Structures are given as C-alpha cells and as structure tokens.
PDB file of all heavy atoms in Angstrom:
ATOM      1  N   GLN A   1     -10.109  -5.157 -13.182  1.00  0.00           N
ATOM      2  CA  GLN A   1     -10.513  -4.480 -14.406  1.00  0.00           C
ATOM      3  C   GLN A   1      -9.538  -4.816 -15.522  1.00  0.00           C
ATOM      4  O   GLN A   1      -8.330  -4.862 -15.323  1.00  0.00           O
ATOM      5  CB  GLN A   1     -10.550  -2.970 -14.198  1.00  0.00           C
ATOM      6  CG  GLN A   1     -11.741  -2.468 -13.392  1.00  0.00           C
ATOM      7  CD  GLN A   1     -11.724  -0.962 -13.264  1.00  0.00           C
ATOM      8  OE1 GLN A   1     -10.666  -0.339 -13.271  1.00  0.00           O
ATOM      9  NE2 GLN A   1     -12.899  -0.363 -13.130  1.00  0.00           N
ATOM     10  N   SER A   2     -10.090  -5.061 -16.714  1.00  0.00           N
ATOM     11  CA  SER A   2      -9.265  -5.364 -17.881  1.00  0.00           C
ATOM     12  C   SER A   2      -9.310  -4.185 -18.846  1.00  0.00           C
ATOM     13  O   SER A   2     -10.234  -3.369 -18.821  1.00  0.00           O
ATOM     14  CB  SER A   2      -9.779  -6.628 -18.581  1.00  0.00           C
ATOM     15  OG  SER A   2      -9.146  -6.807 -19.832  1.00  0.00           O
ATOM     16  N   SER A   3      -8.317  -4.115 -19.703  1.00  0.00           N
ATOM     17  CA  SER A   3      -8.294  -3.061 -20.714  1.00  0.00           C
ATOM     18  C   SER A   3      -9.248  -3.365 -21.864  1.00  0.00           C
ATOM     19  O   SER A   3      -9.499  -2.506 -22.710  1.00  0.00           O
ATOM     20  CB  SER A   3      -6.871  -2.876 -21.249  1.00  0.00           C
ATOM     21  OG  SER A   3      -6.380  -4.094 -21.790  1.00  0.00           O
ATOM     22  N   LEU A   4      -9.797  -4.582 -21.901  1.00  0.00           N
ATOM     23  CA  LEU A   4     -10.747  -4.971 -22.939  1.00  0.00           C
ATOM     24  C   LEU A   4     -12.166  -4.938 -22.384  1.00  0.00           C
ATOM     25  O   LEU A   4     -12.429  -5.462 -21.301  1.00  0.00           O
ATOM     26  CB  LEU A   4     -10.432  -6.368 -23.470  1.00  0.00           C
ATOM     27  CG  LEU A   4      -9.090  -6.556 -24.189  1.00  0.00           C
ATOM     28  CD1 LEU A   4      -8.916  -7.998 -24.624  1.00  0.00           C
ATOM     29  CD2 LEU A   4      -8.997  -5.622 -25.395  1.00  0.00           C
ATOM     30  N   ALA A   5     -13.073  -4.348 -23.121  1.00  0.00           N
ATOM     31  CA  ALA A   5     -14.472  -4.280 -22.695  1.00  0.00           C
ATOM     32  C   ALA A   5     -15.072  -5.681 -22.635  1.00  0.00           C
ATOM     33  O   ALA A   5     -14.810  -6.523 -23.495  1.00  0.00           O
ATOM     34  CB  ALA A   5     -15.265  -3.406 -23.664  1.00  0.00           C
ATOM     35  N   GLY A   6     -15.884  -5.932 -21.608  1.00  0.00           N
ATOM     36  CA  GLY A   6     -16.521  -7.238 -21.463  1.00  0.00           C
ATOM     37  C   GLY A   6     -15.617  -8.306 -20.896  1.00  0.00           C
ATOM     38  O   GLY A   6     -15.994  -9.477 -20.850  1.00  0.00           O
ATOM     39  N   HIS A   7     -14.413  -7.931 -20.460  1.00  0.00           N
ATOM     40  CA  HIS A   7     -13.469  -8.877 -19.870  1.00  0.00           C
ATOM     41  C   HIS A   7     -13.174  -8.466 -18.429  1.00  0.00           C
ATOM     42  O   HIS A   7     -13.066  -7.287 -18.120  1.00  0.00           O
ATOM     43  CB  HIS A   7     -12.149  -8.890 -20.643  1.00  0.00           C
ATOM     44  CG  HIS A   7     -12.251  -9.528 -21.988  1.00  0.00           C
ATOM     45  ND1 HIS A   7     -11.172 -10.100 -22.623  1.00  0.00           N
ATOM     46  CD2 HIS A   7     -13.295  -9.692 -22.827  1.00  0.00           C
ATOM     47  CE1 HIS A   7     -11.541 -10.574 -23.796  1.00  0.00           C
ATOM     48  NE2 HIS A   7     -12.831 -10.331 -23.940  1.00  0.00           N
ATOM     49  N   LYS A   8     -13.026  -9.467 -17.579  1.00  0.00           N
ATOM     50  CA  LYS A   8     -12.528  -9.248 -16.217  1.00  0.00           C
ATOM     51  C   LYS A   8     -11.482 -10.312 -15.936  1.00  0.00           C
ATOM     52  O   LYS A   8     -11.689 -11.487 -16.228  1.00  0.00           O
ATOM     53  CB  LYS A   8     -13.657  -9.313 -15.190  1.00  0.00           C
ATOM     54  CG  LYS A   8     -14.575  -8.105 -15.216  1.00  0.00           C
ATOM     55  CD  LYS A   8     -15.600  -8.172 -14.113  1.00  0.00           C
ATOM     56  CE  LYS A   8     -16.475  -6.911 -14.121  1.00  0.00           C
ATOM     57  NZ  LYS A   8     -17.262  -6.807 -15.363  1.00  0.00           N
ATOM     58  N   LEU A   9     -10.367  -9.890 -15.380  1.00  0.00           N
ATOM     59  CA  LEU A   9      -9.314 -10.816 -15.017  1.00  0.00           C
ATOM     60  C   LEU A   9      -9.569 -11.363 -13.619  1.00  0.00           C
ATOM     61  O   LEU A   9     -10.016 -10.632 -12.733  1.00  0.00           O
ATOM     62  CB  LEU A   9      -7.954 -10.123 -15.074  1.00  0.00           C
ATOM     63  CG  LEU A   9      -7.555  -9.589 -16.459  1.00  0.00           C
ATOM     64  CD1 LEU A   9      -6.315  -8.725 -16.352  1.00  0.00           C
ATOM     65  CD2 LEU A   9      -7.329 -10.728 -17.422  1.00  0.00           C
ATOM     66  N   ILE A  10      -9.303 -12.633 -13.422  1.00  0.00           N
ATOM     67  CA  ILE A  10      -9.504 -13.279 -12.132  1.00  0.00           C
ATOM     68  C   ILE A  10      -8.136 -13.639 -11.565  1.00  0.00           C
ATOM     69  O   ILE A  10      -7.268 -14.162 -12.277  1.00  0.00           O
ATOM     70  CB  ILE A  10     -10.362 -14.551 -12.264  1.00  0.00           C
ATOM     71  CG1 ILE A  10     -11.698 -14.217 -12.955  1.00  0.00           C
ATOM     72  CG2 ILE A  10     -10.615 -15.168 -10.893  1.00  0.00           C
ATOM     73  CD1 ILE A  10     -12.553 -13.202 -12.224  1.00  0.00           C
ATOM     74  N   GLY A  11      -7.937 -13.331 -10.290  1.00  0.00           N
ATOM     75  CA  GLY A  11      -6.655 -13.607  -9.658  1.00  0.00           C
ATOM     76  C   GLY A  11      -6.815 -14.176  -8.267  1.00  0.00           C
ATOM     77  O   GLY A  11      -7.899 -14.167  -7.684  1.00  0.00           O
ATOM     78  N   VAL A  12      -5.707 -14.684  -7.745  1.00  0.00           N
ATOM     79  CA  VAL A  12      -5.652 -15.248  -6.390  1.00  0.00           C
ATOM     80  C   VAL A  12      -4.654 -14.432  -5.580  1.00  0.00           C
ATOM     81  O   VAL A  12      -3.530 -14.179  -6.034  1.00  0.00           O
ATOM     82  CB  VAL A  12      -5.209 -16.727  -6.421  1.00  0.00           C
ATOM     83  CG1 VAL A  12      -5.089 -17.272  -5.001  1.00  0.00           C
ATOM     84  CG2 VAL A  12      -6.198 -17.555  -7.225  1.00  0.00           C
ATOM     85  N   ILE A  13      -5.063 -14.020  -4.381  1.00  0.00           N
ATOM     86  CA  ILE A  13      -4.165 -13.258  -3.511  1.00  0.00           C
ATOM     87  C   ILE A  13      -3.044 -14.167  -3.022  1.00  0.00           C
ATOM     88  O   ILE A  13      -3.294 -15.204  -2.412  1.00  0.00           O
ATOM     89  CB  ILE A  13      -4.931 -12.666  -2.315  1.00  0.00           C
ATOM     90  CG1 ILE A  13      -5.977 -11.654  -2.802  1.00  0.00           C
ATOM     91  CG2 ILE A  13      -3.963 -11.997  -1.338  1.00  0.00           C
ATOM     92  CD1 ILE A  13      -6.821 -11.071  -1.681  1.00  0.00           C
ATOM     93  N   GLN A  14      -1.814 -13.783  -3.302  1.00  0.00           N
ATOM     94  CA  GLN A  14      -0.645 -14.559  -2.880  1.00  0.00           C
ATOM     95  C   GLN A  14      -0.013 -14.028  -1.600  1.00  0.00           C
ATOM     96  O   GLN A  14       0.495 -14.794  -0.788  1.00  0.00           O
ATOM     97  CB  GLN A  14       0.412 -14.559  -3.987  1.00  0.00           C
ATOM     98  CG  GLN A  14       0.103 -15.445  -5.178  1.00  0.00           C
ATOM     99  CD  GLN A  14       1.279 -15.515  -6.121  1.00  0.00           C
ATOM    100  OE1 GLN A  14       1.882 -14.496  -6.449  1.00  0.00           O
ATOM    101  NE2 GLN A  14       1.603 -16.701  -6.578  1.00  0.00           N
ATOM    102  N   LYS A  15      -0.039 -12.710  -1.449  1.00  0.00           N
ATOM    103  CA  LYS A  15       0.651 -12.118  -0.305  1.00  0.00           C
ATOM    104  C   LYS A  15      -0.003 -10.803   0.067  1.00  0.00           C
ATOM    105  O   LYS A  15      -0.441 -10.050  -0.816  1.00  0.00           O
ATOM    106  CB  LYS A  15       2.133 -11.900  -0.632  1.00  0.00           C
ATOM    107  CG  LYS A  15       3.008 -11.532   0.557  1.00  0.00           C
ATOM    108  CD  LYS A  15       4.479 -11.510   0.170  1.00  0.00           C
ATOM    109  CE  LYS A  15       5.369 -11.239   1.381  1.00  0.00           C
ATOM    110  NZ  LYS A  15       6.806 -11.249   1.021  1.00  0.00           N
ATOM    111  N   ILE A  16      -0.072 -10.528   1.363  1.00  0.00           N
ATOM    112  CA  ILE A  16      -0.621  -9.273   1.882  1.00  0.00           C
ATOM    113  C   ILE A  16       0.485  -8.596   2.680  1.00  0.00           C
ATOM    114  O   ILE A  16       1.082  -9.199   3.577  1.00  0.00           O
ATOM    115  CB  ILE A  16      -1.850  -9.533   2.764  1.00  0.00           C
ATOM    116  CG1 ILE A  16      -2.913 -10.309   1.969  1.00  0.00           C
ATOM    117  CG2 ILE A  16      -2.428  -8.225   3.287  1.00  0.00           C
ATOM    118  CD1 ILE A  16      -4.061 -10.795   2.819  1.00  0.00           C
ATOM    119  N   ILE A  17       0.750  -7.334   2.365  1.00  0.00           N
ATOM    120  CA  ILE A  17       1.902  -6.638   2.952  1.00  0.00           C
ATOM    121  C   ILE A  17       1.443  -5.324   3.579  1.00  0.00           C
ATOM    122  O   ILE A  17       0.750  -4.531   2.935  1.00  0.00           O
ATOM    123  CB  ILE A  17       2.973  -6.334   1.877  1.00  0.00           C
ATOM    124  CG1 ILE A  17       3.335  -7.614   1.119  1.00  0.00           C
ATOM    125  CG2 ILE A  17       4.202  -5.704   2.509  1.00  0.00           C
ATOM    126  CD1 ILE A  17       4.111  -7.354  -0.141  1.00  0.00           C
ATOM    127  N   ARG A  18       1.852  -5.098   4.820  1.00  0.00           N
ATOM    128  CA  ARG A  18       1.642  -3.813   5.466  1.00  0.00           C
ATOM    129  C   ARG A  18       2.974  -3.381   6.053  1.00  0.00           C
ATOM    130  O   ARG A  18       3.454  -3.964   7.027  1.00  0.00           O
ATOM    131  CB  ARG A  18       0.573  -3.890   6.556  1.00  0.00           C
ATOM    132  CG  ARG A  18       0.242  -2.534   7.158  1.00  0.00           C
ATOM    133  CD  ARG A  18      -0.838  -2.627   8.218  1.00  0.00           C
ATOM    134  NE  ARG A  18      -1.184  -1.324   8.723  1.00  0.00           N
ATOM    135  CZ  ARG A  18      -2.019  -1.119   9.752  1.00  0.00           C
ATOM    136  NH1 ARG A  18      -2.586  -2.145  10.352  1.00  0.00           N
ATOM    137  NH2 ARG A  18      -2.294   0.104  10.153  1.00  0.00           N
ATOM    138  N   THR A  19       3.600  -2.364   5.478  1.00  0.00           N
ATOM    139  CA  THR A  19       4.946  -1.966   5.831  1.00  0.00           C
ATOM    140  C   THR A  19       5.001  -0.498   6.194  1.00  0.00           C
ATOM    141  O   THR A  19       4.534   0.362   5.435  1.00  0.00           O
ATOM    142  CB  THR A  19       5.923  -2.219   4.667  1.00  0.00           C
ATOM    143  OG1 THR A  19       5.802  -3.585   4.259  1.00  0.00           O
ATOM    144  CG2 THR A  19       7.348  -1.931   5.081  1.00  0.00           C
ATOM    145  N   ALA A  20       5.571  -0.189   7.348  1.00  0.00           N
ATOM    146  CA  ALA A  20       5.795   1.208   7.727  1.00  0.00           C
ATOM    147  C   ALA A  20       7.028   1.722   7.000  1.00  0.00           C
ATOM    148  O   ALA A  20       8.068   1.074   6.966  1.00  0.00           O
ATOM    149  CB  ALA A  20       5.981   1.331   9.233  1.00  0.00           C
ATOM    150  N   LEU A  21       6.943   2.924   6.450  1.00  0.00           N
ATOM    151  CA  LEU A  21       8.057   3.495   5.708  1.00  0.00           C
ATOM    152  C   LEU A  21       9.099   4.141   6.619  1.00  0.00           C
ATOM    153  O   LEU A  21      10.177   4.502   6.181  1.00  0.00           O
ATOM    154  CB  LEU A  21       7.535   4.533   4.713  1.00  0.00           C
ATOM    155  CG  LEU A  21       6.639   3.979   3.588  1.00  0.00           C
ATOM    156  CD1 LEU A  21       6.253   5.100   2.659  1.00  0.00           C
ATOM    157  CD2 LEU A  21       7.341   2.875   2.823  1.00  0.00           C
ATOM    158  N   GLY A  22       8.754   4.314   7.884  1.00  0.00           N
ATOM    159  CA  GLY A  22       9.712   4.927   8.807  1.00  0.00           C
ATOM    160  C   GLY A  22       9.516   6.429   8.881  1.00  0.00           C
ATOM    161  O   GLY A  22       8.618   7.009   8.274  1.00  0.00           O
ATOM    162  N   GLU A  23      10.383   7.060   9.623  1.00  0.00           N
ATOM    163  CA  GLU A  23      10.260   8.505   9.816  1.00  0.00           C
ATOM    164  C   GLU A  23      10.541   9.250   8.518  1.00  0.00           C
ATOM    165  O   GLU A  23      11.475   8.931   7.788  1.00  0.00           O
ATOM    166  CB  GLU A  23      11.228   8.980  10.893  1.00  0.00           C
ATOM    167  CG  GLU A  23      10.932   8.412  12.270  1.00  0.00           C
ATOM    168  CD  GLU A  23      11.851   8.994  13.321  1.00  0.00           C
ATOM    169  OE1 GLU A  23      12.668   9.860  12.963  1.00  0.00           O
ATOM    170  OE2 GLU A  23      11.743   8.579  14.480  1.00  0.00           O
ATOM    171  N   VAL A  24       9.720  10.220   8.240  1.00  0.00           N
ATOM    172  CA  VAL A  24       9.951  11.059   7.070  1.00  0.00           C
ATOM    173  C   VAL A  24      11.133  11.979   7.332  1.00  0.00           C
ATOM    174  O   VAL A  24      12.070  12.065   6.560  1.00  0.00           O
ATOM    175  CB  VAL A  24       8.691  11.885   6.754  1.00  0.00           C
ATOM    176  CG1 VAL A  24       8.963  12.814   5.579  1.00  0.00           C
ATOM    177  CG2 VAL A  24       7.517  10.963   6.452  1.00  0.00           C
ATOM    178  N   LYS A  25      11.118  12.677   8.490  1.00  0.00           N
ATOM    179  CA  LYS A  25      12.244  13.477   8.931  1.00  0.00           C
ATOM    180  C   LYS A  25      12.036  13.824  10.406  1.00  0.00           C
ATOM    181  O   LYS A  25      10.916  13.828  10.899  1.00  0.00           O
ATOM    182  CB  LYS A  25      12.403  14.751   8.098  1.00  0.00           C
ATOM    183  CG  LYS A  25      11.161  15.615   7.988  1.00  0.00           C
ATOM    184  CD  LYS A  25      11.401  16.758   7.034  1.00  0.00           C
ATOM    185  CE  LYS A  25      10.139  17.616   6.857  1.00  0.00           C
ATOM    186  NZ  LYS A  25      10.366  18.740   5.928  1.00  0.00           N
ATOM    187  N   ILE A  26      13.102  14.080  11.091  1.00  0.00           N
ATOM    188  CA  ILE A  26      13.041  14.317  12.531  1.00  0.00           C
ATOM    189  C   ILE A  26      12.118  15.464  12.870  1.00  0.00           C
ATOM    190  O   ILE A  26      11.408  15.442  13.872  1.00  0.00           O
ATOM    191  CB  ILE A  26      14.452  14.597  13.085  1.00  0.00           C
ATOM    192  CG1 ILE A  26      15.363  13.390  12.807  1.00  0.00           C
ATOM    193  CG2 ILE A  26      14.413  14.889  14.571  1.00  0.00           C
ATOM    194  CD1 ILE A  26      14.907  12.118  13.470  1.00  0.00           C
ATOM    195  N   ALA A  27      12.063  16.485  12.026  1.00  0.00           N
ATOM    196  CA  ALA A  27      11.261  17.669  12.314  1.00  0.00           C
ATOM    197  C   ALA A  27       9.771  17.364  12.343  1.00  0.00           C
ATOM    198  O   ALA A  27       8.986  18.158  12.851  1.00  0.00           O
ATOM    199  CB  ALA A  27      11.550  18.762  11.288  1.00  0.00           C
ATOM    200  N   ASP A  28       9.358  16.196  11.806  1.00  0.00           N
ATOM    201  CA  ASP A  28       7.933  15.869  11.727  1.00  0.00           C
ATOM    202  C   ASP A  28       7.482  14.929  12.836  1.00  0.00           C
ATOM    203  O   ASP A  28       6.397  14.367  12.769  1.00  0.00           O
ATOM    204  CB  ASP A  28       7.614  15.213  10.371  1.00  0.00           C
ATOM    205  CG  ASP A  28       7.750  16.192   9.221  1.00  0.00           C
ATOM    206  OD1 ASP A  28       7.529  17.391   9.467  1.00  0.00           O
ATOM    207  OD2 ASP A  28       8.065  15.761   8.098  1.00  0.00           O
ATOM    208  N   VAL A  29       8.309  14.772  13.876  1.00  0.00           N
ATOM    209  CA  VAL A  29       7.966  13.840  14.943  1.00  0.00           C
ATOM    210  C   VAL A  29       6.647  14.212  15.593  1.00  0.00           C
ATOM    211  O   VAL A  29       5.845  13.361  15.961  1.00  0.00           O
ATOM    212  CB  VAL A  29       9.096  13.789  15.996  1.00  0.00           C
ATOM    213  CG1 VAL A  29       8.656  12.991  17.224  1.00  0.00           C
ATOM    214  CG2 VAL A  29      10.344  13.176  15.387  1.00  0.00           C
ATOM    215  N   GLU A  30       6.401  15.516  15.729  1.00  0.00           N
ATOM    216  CA  GLU A  30       5.179  15.953  16.389  1.00  0.00           C
ATOM    217  C   GLU A  30       3.924  15.628  15.574  1.00  0.00           C
ATOM    218  O   GLU A  30       2.812  15.731  16.069  1.00  0.00           O
ATOM    219  CB  GLU A  30       5.240  17.469  16.659  1.00  0.00           C
ATOM    220  CG  GLU A  30       5.260  18.337  15.404  1.00  0.00           C
ATOM    221  CD  GLU A  30       6.670  18.550  14.863  1.00  0.00           C
ATOM    222  OE1 GLU A  30       7.593  17.845  15.348  1.00  0.00           O
ATOM    223  OE2 GLU A  30       6.832  19.407  13.988  1.00  0.00           O
ATOM    224  N   LEU A  31       4.089  15.206  14.336  1.00  0.00           N
ATOM    225  CA  LEU A  31       2.924  14.866  13.510  1.00  0.00           C
ATOM    226  C   LEU A  31       2.352  13.498  13.870  1.00  0.00           C
ATOM    227  O   LEU A  31       1.306  13.117  13.375  1.00  0.00           O
ATOM    228  CB  LEU A  31       3.303  14.879  12.028  1.00  0.00           C
ATOM    229  CG  LEU A  31       3.729  16.241  11.464  1.00  0.00           C
ATOM    230  CD1 LEU A  31       4.093  16.090   9.994  1.00  0.00           C
ATOM    231  CD2 LEU A  31       2.616  17.269  11.638  1.00  0.00           C
ATOM    232  N   GLY A  32       3.039  12.746  14.720  1.00  0.00           N
ATOM    233  CA  GLY A  32       2.531  11.444  15.146  1.00  0.00           C
ATOM    234  C   GLY A  32       2.496  10.459  13.992  1.00  0.00           C
ATOM    235  O   GLY A  32       3.478  10.275  13.270  1.00  0.00           O
ATOM    236  N   GLU A  33       1.309   9.808  13.801  1.00  0.00           N
ATOM    237  CA  GLU A  33       1.174   8.781  12.773  1.00  0.00           C
ATOM    238  C   GLU A  33       1.415   9.323  11.377  1.00  0.00           C
ATOM    239  O   GLU A  33       1.837   8.600  10.479  1.00  0.00           O
ATOM    240  CB  GLU A  33      -0.210   8.145  12.847  1.00  0.00           C
ATOM    241  CG  GLU A  33      -0.431   7.318  14.108  1.00  0.00           C
ATOM    242  CD  GLU A  33      -1.750   6.607  14.068  1.00  0.00           C
ATOM    243  OE1 GLU A  33      -2.467   6.774  13.057  1.00  0.00           O
ATOM    244  OE2 GLU A  33      -2.075   5.884  15.022  1.00  0.00           O
ATOM    245  N   ALA A  34       1.140  10.591  11.170  1.00  0.00           N
ATOM    246  CA  ALA A  34       1.344  11.171   9.845  1.00  0.00           C
ATOM    247  C   ALA A  34       2.818  11.144   9.455  1.00  0.00           C
ATOM    248  O   ALA A  34       3.157  11.197   8.279  1.00  0.00           O
ATOM    249  CB  ALA A  34       0.825  12.604   9.816  1.00  0.00           C
ATOM    250  N   ALA A  35       3.702  11.084  10.440  1.00  0.00           N
ATOM    251  CA  ALA A  35       5.128  11.034  10.145  1.00  0.00           C
ATOM    252  C   ALA A  35       5.594   9.624   9.845  1.00  0.00           C
ATOM    253  O   ALA A  35       6.745   9.411   9.499  1.00  0.00           O
ATOM    254  CB  ALA A  35       5.923  11.593  11.314  1.00  0.00           C
ATOM    255  N   HIS A  36       4.715   8.633   9.993  1.00  0.00           N
ATOM    256  CA  HIS A  36       5.059   7.237   9.741  1.00  0.00           C
ATOM    257  C   HIS A  36       4.033   6.619   8.792  1.00  0.00           C
ATOM    258  O   HIS A  36       3.236   5.770   9.188  1.00  0.00           O
ATOM    259  CB  HIS A  36       5.106   6.454  11.059  1.00  0.00           C
ATOM    260  CG  HIS A  36       6.107   6.997  12.020  1.00  0.00           C
ATOM    261  ND1 HIS A  36       7.414   6.595  12.053  1.00  0.00           N
ATOM    262  CD2 HIS A  36       5.992   7.959  12.984  1.00  0.00           C
ATOM    263  CE1 HIS A  36       8.070   7.256  12.990  1.00  0.00           C
ATOM    264  NE2 HIS A  36       7.221   8.084  13.569  1.00  0.00           N
ATOM    265  N   PRO A  37       3.992   7.049   7.550  1.00  0.00           N
ATOM    266  CA  PRO A  37       3.020   6.489   6.603  1.00  0.00           C
ATOM    267  C   PRO A  37       3.281   5.012   6.350  1.00  0.00           C
ATOM    268  O   PRO A  37       4.405   4.541   6.503  1.00  0.00           O
ATOM    269  CB  PRO A  37       3.261   7.323   5.334  1.00  0.00           C
ATOM    270  CG  PRO A  37       4.681   7.783   5.450  1.00  0.00           C
ATOM    271  CD  PRO A  37       4.913   8.006   6.916  1.00  0.00           C
ATOM    272  N   GLU A  38       2.242   4.278   5.996  1.00  0.00           N
ATOM    273  CA  GLU A  38       2.357   2.850   5.749  1.00  0.00           C
ATOM    274  C   GLU A  38       1.933   2.532   4.319  1.00  0.00           C
ATOM    275  O   GLU A  38       1.060   3.205   3.757  1.00  0.00           O
ATOM    276  CB  GLU A  38       1.487   2.059   6.725  1.00  0.00           C
ATOM    277  CG  GLU A  38       1.964   2.168   8.167  1.00  0.00           C
ATOM    278  CD  GLU A  38       1.068   1.406   9.106  1.00  0.00           C
ATOM    279  OE1 GLU A  38      -0.124   1.251   8.768  1.00  0.00           O
ATOM    280  OE2 GLU A  38       1.545   0.974  10.156  1.00  0.00           O
ATOM    281  N   VAL A  39       2.540   1.509   3.761  1.00  0.00           N
ATOM    282  CA  VAL A  39       2.182   1.041   2.434  1.00  0.00           C
ATOM    283  C   VAL A  39       1.451  -0.284   2.583  1.00  0.00           C
ATOM    284  O   VAL A  39       2.010  -1.253   3.103  1.00  0.00           O
ATOM    285  CB  VAL A  39       3.437   0.869   1.552  1.00  0.00           C
ATOM    286  CG1 VAL A  39       3.048   0.268   0.207  1.00  0.00           C
ATOM    287  CG2 VAL A  39       4.122   2.203   1.344  1.00  0.00           C
ATOM    288  N   ASN A  40       0.212  -0.344   2.153  1.00  0.00           N
ATOM    289  CA  ASN A  40      -0.604  -1.548   2.238  1.00  0.00           C
ATOM    290  C   ASN A  40      -0.725  -2.144   0.843  1.00  0.00           C
ATOM    291  O   ASN A  40      -1.383  -1.573  -0.036  1.00  0.00           O
ATOM    292  CB  ASN A  40      -1.990  -1.217   2.799  1.00  0.00           C
ATOM    293  CG  ASN A  40      -1.898  -0.499   4.135  1.00  0.00           C
ATOM    294  OD1 ASN A  40      -1.087  -0.869   4.978  1.00  0.00           O
ATOM    295  ND2 ASN A  40      -2.708   0.528   4.328  1.00  0.00           N
ATOM    296  N   LEU A  41      -0.117  -3.306   0.642  1.00  0.00           N
ATOM    297  CA  LEU A  41      -0.037  -3.897  -0.684  1.00  0.00           C
ATOM    298  C   LEU A  41      -0.580  -5.322  -0.693  1.00  0.00           C
ATOM    299  O   LEU A  41      -0.537  -6.030   0.322  1.00  0.00           O
ATOM    300  CB  LEU A  41       1.414  -3.913  -1.188  1.00  0.00           C
ATOM    301  CG  LEU A  41       2.156  -2.574  -1.259  1.00  0.00           C
ATOM    302  CD1 LEU A  41       3.604  -2.805  -1.668  1.00  0.00           C
ATOM    303  CD2 LEU A  41       1.463  -1.627  -2.238  1.00  0.00           C
ATOM    304  N   VAL A  42      -1.088  -5.725  -1.840  1.00  0.00           N
ATOM    305  CA  VAL A  42      -1.459  -7.122  -2.068  1.00  0.00           C
ATOM    306  C   VAL A  42      -0.813  -7.578  -3.372  1.00  0.00           C
ATOM    307  O   VAL A  42      -0.778  -6.833  -4.349  1.00  0.00           O
ATOM    308  CB  VAL A  42      -2.986  -7.315  -2.146  1.00  0.00           C
ATOM    309  CG1 VAL A  42      -3.636  -7.107  -0.802  1.00  0.00           C
ATOM    310  CG2 VAL A  42      -3.617  -6.408  -3.188  1.00  0.00           C
ATOM    311  N   ARG A  43      -0.273  -8.781  -3.346  1.00  0.00           N
ATOM    312  CA  ARG A  43       0.281  -9.369  -4.554  1.00  0.00           C
ATOM    313  C   ARG A  43      -0.684 -10.431  -5.056  1.00  0.00           C
ATOM    314  O   ARG A  43      -1.095 -11.317  -4.299  1.00  0.00           O
ATOM    315  CB  ARG A  43       1.654  -9.981  -4.289  1.00  0.00           C
ATOM    316  CG  ARG A  43       2.343 -10.494  -5.566  1.00  0.00           C
ATOM    317  CD  ARG A  43       3.753 -10.925  -5.279  1.00  0.00           C
ATOM    318  NE  ARG A  43       3.786 -12.110  -4.434  1.00  0.00           N
ATOM    319  CZ  ARG A  43       4.880 -12.555  -3.838  1.00  0.00           C
ATOM    320  NH1 ARG A  43       6.024 -11.885  -3.955  1.00  0.00           N
ATOM    321  NH2 ARG A  43       4.846 -13.649  -3.085  1.00  0.00           N
ATOM    322  N   ILE A  44      -1.034 -10.348  -6.317  1.00  0.00           N
ATOM    323  CA  ILE A  44      -2.074 -11.200  -6.895  1.00  0.00           C
ATOM    324  C   ILE A  44      -1.521 -11.943  -8.098  1.00  0.00           C
ATOM    325  O   ILE A  44      -0.875 -11.342  -8.971  1.00  0.00           O
ATOM    326  CB  ILE A  44      -3.296 -10.349  -7.310  1.00  0.00           C
ATOM    327  CG1 ILE A  44      -3.892  -9.661  -6.077  1.00  0.00           C
ATOM    328  CG2 ILE A  44      -4.342 -11.204  -8.021  1.00  0.00           C
ATOM    329  CD1 ILE A  44      -4.899  -8.593  -6.416  1.00  0.00           C
TER     330      ILE A  44
END
C-alpha cells in the first residue's frame, strides 16, 4: 500500500525471519507456547 491514491509499491522479498523471543519470565513457564512468543518478519 502506498500513501498516494492510485499507486502501489512493488517489492522483492529479500529475507524471511522467524525468531523466538525467549522466555518472558520464569513464572510463565506453565503457559507453554504463550511464554515463548515469536516474531515473524519479512524484509522487502
């Protein structure tokens, strides 16, 4: 999406990233996957 009406920007995917952020805190271990959120990113 572009900030100008009638325009669309075209890009090429350069990198795809899926990174676990690690434990939020020890007390949340019982939350399972919720205690280990992931960041899914694409660089274009």
